[in-house]
Amino acid sequence: MSVATAAVRTTCAYCGVGCGILATPDGAGGARIEGDPDHPANSGRLCSKGAALGETLGLEDRLLAPRIAGRQAGWDEALDLIAARFRAAIDADGPDSVAIYGSGQLLTEDYYVANKLMKGFIGSANIDTNSRLCMASTVAGHRRAFGSDTVPGTYEDIELADLVILVGSNLAWCHPVLHQRLAAAREARPSMRVVVVDPRRTATCEIADLHLKLRGDADVALFNWLLAETESRGVLDAAWLAAHVDGFPAAMAAARPWDRDRTAAACDVDAADLDMLLRLWLGTERVVTVFSQGVNQSASGTDKVNAIINCHLAAGRIGRPGMGPFSVTGQPNAMGGREVGGLANMLAAHLELENPAHRAAVRDFWRAPRVADRPGLKAVDMFRAAASGRIKALWILATNPVATMPEADAVAAALEACPFVVVSDVTARTDTAARAHVLLPAAGWGEKSGTVTNSERRISRQRAFLPLPGEVRPDWQALAEVGKRLGWPEAFAWTSPADIFREHAALSARAAALGRDFDIGGLANLGDAAYEAMEPVQWPLGGPERFFTDGRFFTPDRRARMIPVDPPAAAPPDGLRLNTGRIRDQWHTMTRTGRAPRLTQHIAEPFAEIHPADAEPRGIGPADLVVLSARGRRAVLRALVTDRVAPGSIFAPMHWSRETASAGGVAALLAATADPHSGQPALKAGTIEVARYAPAWHGFAISRRRPAPEAAYWARARIARGWRVELAGEAEPDDWDAWTRAAFAAPEAELVAWGDPGRGRRRVALIEHGAVVAALFVGPEPVELSRAHLVAAFGEADAAALLAGRPGGRVRDCGRIVCACFDVGLETIVDAVATGRASTVAEIGAALRAGTGCGSCRPELATLLAPEARRRRASGR
């Protein structure tokens, strides 16, 4: 392909908002990144992750050629081996002995080929995806209520609503551009109200009129009560219900027992807060309920989804501007994967695997020898089948399940037990790739071309603007070549992503003729040039912007279903509750975001939020290390003692793997308990114990080279000129000098040391050719230093200045970086607020530029202002 030199319109690689991007190659393997002002999802806005995409490009750590058993191989050898091993397994043990595990980071065209190969030609539905961990409960809830996996509304509805209820959604950190749109709409229309329903006080709460800090998994009780009150207060839309909805009596019978006092007790919230929510709900017609992983990642996730939908159906608040239930997805192409049937219980084009007519339509369209006639193994069961020997050959694409699946240690063991594992990825440096028999070098963002679909059903192009490096190929080509080698050359004979997209669109027209919702048939004859130039388009093509405006759904009788739901029984706690999630500047297991130095400045180390009431009796103080333990497994994290979490609860992010921390992964602590309807694991309801970790020494270091310390605890992150690493050890090394040189790959470096070794304190610089290549700071307790200063000074300051550990002279310590766009630190912001230079987020921006770039830090700026605002109110100022 030719190398682009001008700006290329493409789509962001991260969350389901689906922001448009202008990428201008810099001629050196990178690109300048700007928001696309013409893309309807973001209108030029970007978050910190999207803005830093250019810094994640480059060939460091890239997998550039196939590998077989660790040695470099050619593509033909690798593909021949994959086809042979898959064929041998199928012939010996049947189609269900092989499986594919994909990802919401695949493009729709990749997903389509994988689904066609498995379900239509191999004849098994054993294809699932990490989207099972993200939004499978939404899919199940939609299908129960609407008869199809249909997202009714659009992003515009969030801006048009008079009341937005955010349930289990930290929109400010997980979908920042949607949060920016909501915040802008509220600023323009102050009468808009926002409610956050979440066990944690998150950055999103800063724009909320009400934060319902409910007990985990109490959502069904809350929405059952809201449904009962909708009936008793006369807000039901009786005509709508009679004309368009079934199941109302049964749903109401389940909801009526939930009165105010019972609900307050079950949710562990003040009854007065319930009263406020009720007043807002009863008095506001235009309501959008946005929900995300706090709803989905639960053993009762599907019932939570239906409890929310029940309320909207009962009030008739669906299918019109500014109202409706709205699921926001976590990955860039989770929706595209749903469109092509990427889940083990779905067919392509939103057709139903259990429907014989639908199976026949797909079989005839594909001219396939067979179509799977029963659901395949969902994610948790797929890896259990690999462990037990039922799965003989497994192909994993664009995901890292050894770091992200519950019971992650068991997933690692399953891959080690599986006779044949293929991993397609951009790097061999993942916990999953380390267990592959065959590694395939996959095209990454900026190199591959295709489409993605965002959370509002909008299809956008991802375009290549960089050449394919080495022997890298897009995933669809690898899948198609295996399909050919398995004996179906004509079915997998595409020559471009445009060919695949046209076939995908044509199949959607067949599905629409069968009464399904997904229809992009009008694009089935799109020429190559038109495909290349395709503008963002929302489906159904030519149809209404919102579904269900006419009250017609996708059930056999075209009526919606209200589903009776009951909250799970509250079990007495036998430990603390572990809630996992994301942070603002990182993504999944940091394979991409971990490459961008500015994204590590905000939070560079795995941490656990713990309430003071839980920390104090355990002797845990701020910045202590703590051990989280469960199921015989442990994680070591930095303690953040805060009342953002409720007593009895711990929050820990899911981003750290064995590549970035010695024991920062929390997925191994979680039992693989799944929702019975959706198969989605309960990633926010682990039971753990927490204890203070008391190592013999603590350390912090900066290094030119990737640190590889022999230490009980370490967590490393990129900086502009190398790496930073937090350290701790259970025993001091016998020879500190030798240990230091080995840890930072500088065996011949000159060593300059200062400190008091008798008291366990030492500061060491390693020097090569007159330049500092590493600096290490060690003490008996967590080392107090200006880390931001050291990171900024590394590569410029001499050994003496670095070992001081703080800025000299009149230079102020800026503190931890809060604004990644303009490197504005916590202490700089606090000083501006304390001295009266800034008392609003806008004034901080005017004084310091913080918050005026991508805007992702604005919720945190509001949080920092909150104590000052309270002080001013108390003093009458």
Foldseek 3Di string as FASTA:
>chain_A
DDFDAAWDWFWAFWFQLTWIWTWGDPVPFFTQIWGDLPAVSFNTFDAQQRRQQRLLTDQVQFDFAKDFQRHGDHLVVQLLVQLVLQLVCCVVFNLQQEAEEEELSAFLLLLLLRQCLNFFASNALRFAYCCLQWCLLLQLLCCQFFVFSDFFAFLQLLLVALEEEEEADLCLFQVNSSLVSNVVSCVVPVSRAYEYEDLFDHLSCLRHPYYQNFDQLLLLLLLLQLQLCCVVVVLFPVVLCVVFEPAVVQQNVLSNVRHLVNSCVNGVGDSVRSVVVSCCVSVTLQYEYEYTNSLCQALCNNSSSLSVQLNCSRNVFTNDRRGDYFYFTGGRFSVSSVQCQSHQQAHHRRHGLQDPVSQVLVCVLLVGPHGHNGGHDYDVVSLVCLLVSSHQEYEYEDDAQCQPAFLSVSSLNSLQSHNAYEYEDRRCPGSRSVSHSMYAHADDQQADWHWGAHRLQKITIRDHNRHSPNNHDHSLVSSLSSSVVNPCNVSSVDDHNLQSVLSSQCSNVVVVVVVDFRHPVVCNPPDPVCSSVPRIDGPPPPDDSGPCNVSAGRDPVRHTYRDHDDGDDDDDAPAFWEFEAAGRLAHAQRSRSLSRQLSCLQPQFKEKEAEPVQQVVQVHDAQFWKWKDAPRAIAIGGYDHDPSHPHRYMYIYSHHDVSFKVGRRDSSRADQNHHPSRSHHNNGTGGIHMHTDQAQKKKKKFFQEDFDAPAPIKGWGAFPRHIIMIGGHNDDDPDVVCRVCNRRVNNPWDKDKDDDVVQFWIWIFTDDPQFTGMIMTMHSGHDDALPLVLRVCHPPDHPVCNSVRYDDDPDDRQARALASVQRGGDVNLLVCVVVVQDQALVSCCVVPVRCVGSNSSRSVSSVSNVVVVVVCVVVVD
